[in-house]
Amino acid sequence: MPFIDPEAGHLTVLNLFKTDSRPRVDTLVTEMKKIVDTAAFPGWISSTVHRGEHTPGTANFIQWRGMQDLETRYNDTEFKHHTVPVFREITTFVRLMQTEVELSHRHPGQGAVTTVSPDRDDYTVIEILNVDPADQKDVVKTLGGAHSWLVDVPGYRSRSVLRGIRSRNLEGGAGTLATVGTDNDFVVVYSQWDSKEAYDAHRTLDRAVWMPAREGFQDALDALTRDVDWNGYRAVHTRSADQPVAA
């Protein structure tokens, strides 16, 4: 079962896929499950497929031993000539993001580690904060400061902050990847909530009723962030390297 732990030293890859209809989300989930169930790549640790709830799409939360293992996968013939064409056909947007976990925080009732699993009933939110590379460290620090008051937000379970290393898409031609923007120009926030309603209430709460520390946090984050792309998800499938390959 995958865990989010800054001390583990994993390369964490978040692959986001968007599409234009709910039926195509079913196709996306099916294709991603096929890859996860047969994965036997050197250095691959785990993959967890998430189904988009707010807008049509999916996310794959993948842990790797390191950068070289991921690059070997990207240069693989099967990836270039089968995986990429399949996802190009059924998506309207693909972003492959390499990150490192900087912070992971939980409500005291959630135990000692952040678990990523379809066996849980989390409403998961993945936010992509696009930032100037020079501001990335300040964004991470600012996000970490929110942990002092998040425990008091109804429905909060956990939040992990991941520092962006490189972002790619599939716009570079058949079987190739193109770098998006500048390295280190994004931060990912992966959070877990009791429900969509709990997250929506937290997100839309009028600033006039926020505690002073929380209002100052949002002002600082807004000043450091160019834009935010987010979606709500449910984890629907997972597998780790210590589990057998599907027959």
Protein backbone atom coordinates (compact mmCIF):
# COMPACT_ATOMS: atom_id res chain seq x y z
CA MET A 1 0.00 0.00 0.00
CA PRO A 2 1.52 3.38 -1.02
CA PHE A 3 2.45 5.90 1.67
CA ILE A 4 3.42 9.55 1.26
CA ASP A 5 6.57 10.14 3.30
CA PRO A 6 9.12 12.95 2.78
CA GLU A 7 11.80 10.72 4.34
CA ALA A 8 11.36 7.90 1.81
CA GLY A 9 13.28 9.72 -0.92
CA HIS A 10 11.07 8.46 -3.76
CA LEU A 11 10.59 10.23 -7.05
CA THR A 12 6.84 10.83 -7.14
CA VAL A 13 5.23 11.20 -10.56
CA LEU A 14 1.72 12.58 -10.97
CA ASN A 15 0.27 11.94 -14.40
CA LEU A 16 -2.85 14.03 -15.03
CA PHE A 17 -5.23 13.24 -17.88
CA LYS A 18 -8.24 15.27 -18.98
CA THR A 19 -10.92 14.25 -21.43
CA ASP A 20 -14.18 15.63 -22.81
CA SER A 21 -16.75 13.11 -21.53
CA ARG A 22 -17.52 10.79 -18.63
CA PRO A 23 -17.54 7.65 -20.83
CA ARG A 24 -13.97 8.43 -21.88
CA VAL A 25 -13.03 8.57 -18.21
CA ASP A 26 -14.13 4.93 -17.99
CA THR A 27 -11.82 4.13 -20.90
CA LEU A 28 -8.96 6.04 -19.29
CA VAL A 29 -9.38 4.15 -16.01
CA THR A 30 -9.49 0.81 -17.85
CA GLU A 31 -6.30 1.55 -19.80
CA MET A 32 -4.49 2.78 -16.68
CA LYS A 33 -5.49 -0.33 -14.74
CA LYS A 34 -4.02 -2.51 -17.50
CA ILE A 35 -0.67 -0.76 -17.19
CA VAL A 36 -0.68 -0.89 -13.38
CA ASP A 37 -1.63 -4.57 -13.23
CA THR A 38 1.22 -5.64 -15.51
CA ALA A 39 3.88 -3.16 -14.36
CA ALA A 40 7.30 -4.74 -13.85
CA PHE A 41 9.58 -1.82 -14.63
CA PRO A 42 12.99 -1.56 -12.92
CA GLY A 43 12.74 0.96 -10.10
CA TRP A 44 8.94 1.17 -10.15
CA ILE A 45 7.49 1.12 -6.61
CA SER A 46 3.73 1.71 -6.85
CA SER A 47 0.89 3.24 -8.86
CA THR A 48 -2.54 4.41 -7.69
CA VAL A 49 -5.20 5.33 -10.23
CA HIS A 50 -7.59 8.17 -9.31
CA ARG A 51 -10.88 8.87 -11.08
CA GLY A 52 -11.82 12.52 -11.59
CA GLU A 53 -15.01 13.65 -9.84
CA HIS A 54 -15.18 17.41 -10.36
CA THR A 55 -14.22 17.42 -14.05
CA PRO A 56 -13.69 14.46 -16.44
CA GLY A 57 -10.20 13.03 -16.10
CA THR A 58 -7.89 10.76 -14.16
CA ALA A 59 -4.67 10.96 -12.20
CA ASN A 60 -2.01 8.33 -11.62
CA PHE A 61 0.06 8.73 -8.44
CA ILE A 62 3.30 6.82 -9.13
CA GLN A 63 6.37 6.25 -6.97
CA TRP A 64 9.77 5.47 -8.50
CA ARG A 65 13.17 4.69 -7.05
CA GLY A 66 14.74 7.55 -8.97
CA MET A 67 14.92 9.70 -12.09
CA GLN A 68 16.98 7.28 -14.18
CA ASP A 69 14.40 4.52 -13.76
CA LEU A 70 11.64 6.84 -14.98
CA GLU A 71 13.68 7.98 -17.99
CA THR A 72 14.31 4.35 -18.90
CA ARG A 73 10.55 3.79 -18.88
CA TYR A 74 9.92 6.85 -21.05
CA ASN A 75 12.50 5.66 -23.58
CA ASP A 76 11.00 2.18 -23.75
CA THR A 77 9.65 1.12 -27.15
CA GLU A 78 6.34 -0.08 -25.67
CA PHE A 79 5.80 3.27 -23.96
CA LYS A 80 6.57 5.27 -27.11
CA HIS A 81 4.63 3.18 -29.62
CA HIS A 82 1.70 1.84 -27.57
CA THR A 83 1.14 3.74 -24.32
CA VAL A 84 1.53 7.25 -25.75
CA PRO A 85 -0.70 6.68 -28.82
CA VAL A 86 -3.46 5.12 -26.67
CA PHE A 87 -3.62 8.09 -24.30
CA ARG A 88 -3.25 10.62 -27.09
CA GLU A 89 -6.38 9.15 -28.68
CA ILE A 90 -8.65 9.37 -25.62
CA THR A 91 -7.47 12.56 -23.88
CA THR A 92 -7.65 16.29 -24.46
CA PHE A 93 -4.80 17.11 -22.06
CA VAL A 94 -1.88 15.20 -20.51
CA ARG A 95 0.64 16.48 -17.99
CA LEU A 96 3.36 14.21 -16.57
CA MET A 97 4.86 15.79 -13.45
CA GLN A 98 7.99 14.69 -11.63
CA THR A 99 8.08 15.76 -7.99
CA GLU A 100 9.62 15.19 -4.58
CA VAL A 101 7.55 15.14 -1.38
CA GLU A 102 8.52 18.10 0.80
CA LEU A 103 5.84 17.99 3.51
CA SER A 104 3.13 15.59 4.64
CA HIS A 105 0.67 16.46 7.39
CA ARG A 106 -2.34 14.69 8.83
CA HIS A 107 -5.15 15.28 11.25
CA PRO A 108 -4.19 13.53 14.52
CA GLY A 109 -7.02 11.06 13.97
CA GLN A 110 -5.47 9.85 10.70
CA GLY A 111 -2.52 8.01 12.22
CA ALA A 112 1.22 8.32 11.71
CA VAL A 113 1.45 8.15 7.92
CA THR A 114 -0.48 9.39 4.87
CA THR A 115 -1.91 6.38 3.05
CA VAL A 116 -3.01 6.39 -0.61
CA SER A 117 -5.50 3.60 -1.22
CA PRO A 118 -8.89 2.81 -2.79
CA ASP A 119 -9.66 0.95 0.45
CA ARG A 120 -10.11 4.38 2.05
CA ASP A 121 -13.09 6.63 1.33
CA ASP A 122 -11.10 9.86 0.90
CA TYR A 123 -12.26 12.65 -1.33
CA THR A 124 -8.85 13.52 -2.77
CA VAL A 125 -7.98 16.91 -4.23
CA ILE A 126 -4.92 17.48 -6.41
CA GLU A 127 -3.97 21.12 -6.95
CA ILE A 128 -1.26 22.25 -9.38
CA LEU A 129 0.11 25.66 -8.40
CA ASN A 130 2.03 27.27 -11.24
CA VAL A 131 4.70 29.58 -9.85
CA ASP A 132 7.82 31.47 -10.80
CA PRO A 133 10.82 29.17 -10.20
CA ALA A 134 12.36 31.77 -7.89
CA ASP A 135 9.25 31.60 -5.67
CA GLN A 136 8.94 27.82 -5.44
CA LYS A 137 10.65 27.49 -2.05
CA ASP A 138 8.54 30.31 -0.61
CA VAL A 139 5.37 28.64 -1.88
CA VAL A 140 6.33 25.37 -0.17
CA LYS A 141 7.11 27.23 3.06
CA THR A 142 3.84 29.15 2.92
CA LEU A 143 1.84 25.96 2.35
CA GLY A 144 3.57 24.35 5.31
CA GLY A 145 2.45 27.21 7.52
CA ALA A 146 -1.18 26.23 6.96
CA HIS A 147 -0.73 23.02 8.92
CA SER A 148 -1.13 24.94 12.17
CA TRP A 149 -4.81 25.65 11.46
CA LEU A 150 -5.87 22.93 9.03
CA VAL A 151 -6.46 20.50 11.91
CA ASP A 152 -9.39 22.72 12.95
CA VAL A 153 -11.06 22.63 9.52
CA PRO A 154 -14.07 20.25 9.52
CA GLY A 155 -13.49 17.23 7.29
CA TYR A 156 -9.72 17.71 6.89
CA ARG A 157 -7.69 14.46 6.80
CA SER A 158 -4.27 15.13 5.30
CA ARG A 159 -2.26 17.37 3.00
CA SER A 160 1.04 16.69 1.28
CA VAL A 161 3.13 19.28 -0.55
CA LEU A 162 5.28 18.12 -3.47
CA ARG A 163 8.02 20.22 -5.05
CA GLY A 164 7.89 20.18 -8.85
CA ILE A 165 11.04 19.07 -10.67
CA ARG A 166 9.94 18.69 -14.29
CA SER A 167 6.66 18.77 -16.20
CA ARG A 168 6.03 17.22 -19.61
CA ASN A 169 3.17 16.67 -22.03
CA LEU A 170 2.55 14.63 -25.18
CA GLU A 171 2.72 17.52 -27.65
CA GLY A 172 6.15 16.65 -29.01
CA GLY A 173 5.06 14.21 -31.71
CA ALA A 174 4.25 10.50 -31.68
CA GLY A 175 6.03 8.66 -28.91
CA THR A 176 7.87 11.70 -27.57
CA LEU A 177 7.51 14.04 -24.61
CA ALA A 178 7.84 17.81 -24.56
CA THR A 179 8.90 19.80 -21.51
CA VAL A 180 6.23 22.17 -20.21
CA GLY A 181 7.40 25.59 -19.03
CA THR A 182 10.53 25.82 -16.92
CA ASP A 183 11.80 23.20 -14.48
CA ASN A 184 10.75 23.92 -10.89
CA ASP A 185 7.88 26.21 -11.90
CA PHE A 186 5.10 24.33 -10.11
CA VAL A 187 4.09 22.89 -6.75
CA VAL A 188 1.57 20.07 -6.20
CA VAL A 189 -0.77 19.83 -3.23
CA TYR A 190 -2.33 16.40 -2.60
CA SER A 191 -5.03 16.55 0.09
CA GLN A 192 -7.57 14.13 1.53
CA TRP A 193 -10.98 15.07 2.95
CA ASP A 194 -14.02 13.41 4.49
CA SER A 195 -16.17 14.43 1.53
CA LYS A 196 -16.52 16.78 -1.41
CA GLU A 197 -18.87 18.88 0.72
CA ALA A 198 -16.17 19.32 3.39
CA TYR A 199 -13.61 20.41 0.81
CA ASP A 200 -16.03 22.78 -0.92
CA ALA A 201 -16.94 24.40 2.41
CA HIS A 202 -13.24 24.93 3.19
CA ARG A 203 -12.54 26.32 -0.29
CA THR A 204 -15.45 28.75 -0.48
CA LEU A 205 -15.56 30.00 3.11
CA ASP A 206 -15.89 33.79 3.16
CA ARG A 207 -12.58 35.41 4.11
CA ALA A 208 -14.45 37.66 6.52
CA VAL A 209 -14.95 34.73 8.87
CA TRP A 210 -11.46 33.29 8.55
CA MET A 211 -9.12 33.37 11.51
CA PRO A 212 -6.36 36.00 11.00
CA ALA A 213 -3.61 33.42 10.44
CA ARG A 214 -5.63 31.74 7.73
CA GLU A 215 -6.43 34.96 5.93
CA GLY A 216 -2.77 35.97 5.96
CA PHE A 217 -1.86 32.56 4.54
CA GLN A 218 -4.19 32.92 1.58
CA ASP A 219 -3.01 36.45 0.81
CA ALA A 220 0.61 35.29 0.81
CA LEU A 221 -0.16 32.28 -1.37
CA ASP A 222 -2.12 34.35 -3.89
CA ALA A 223 0.81 36.74 -4.21
CA LEU A 224 3.20 33.88 -5.01
CA THR A 225 1.01 31.82 -7.36
CA ARG A 226 0.31 32.53 -11.03
CA ASP A 227 -2.67 30.19 -11.31
CA VAL A 228 -4.08 26.97 -9.87
CA ASP A 229 -5.47 23.92 -11.68
CA TRP A 230 -7.34 21.44 -9.50
CA ASN A 231 -9.68 18.47 -9.57
CA GLY A 232 -11.35 16.20 -7.03
CA TYR A 233 -10.77 12.44 -7.23
CA ARG A 234 -11.46 9.03 -5.76
CA ALA A 235 -8.66 6.46 -5.68
CA VAL A 236 -10.00 3.45 -7.56
CA HIS A 237 -7.07 1.07 -8.11
CA THR A 238 -3.59 0.48 -6.75
CA ARG A 239 -0.71 -1.96 -6.98
CA SER A 240 2.83 -2.07 -5.61
CA ALA A 241 5.97 -3.76 -6.89
CA ASP A 242 5.81 -6.41 -4.17
CA GLN A 243 2.48 -7.66 -5.55
CA PRO A 244 2.39 -10.24 -8.37
CA VAL A 245 1.83 -9.21 -12.00
CA ALA A 246 -1.71 -9.90 -13.15
CA ALA A 247 -2.11 -13.08 -15.17
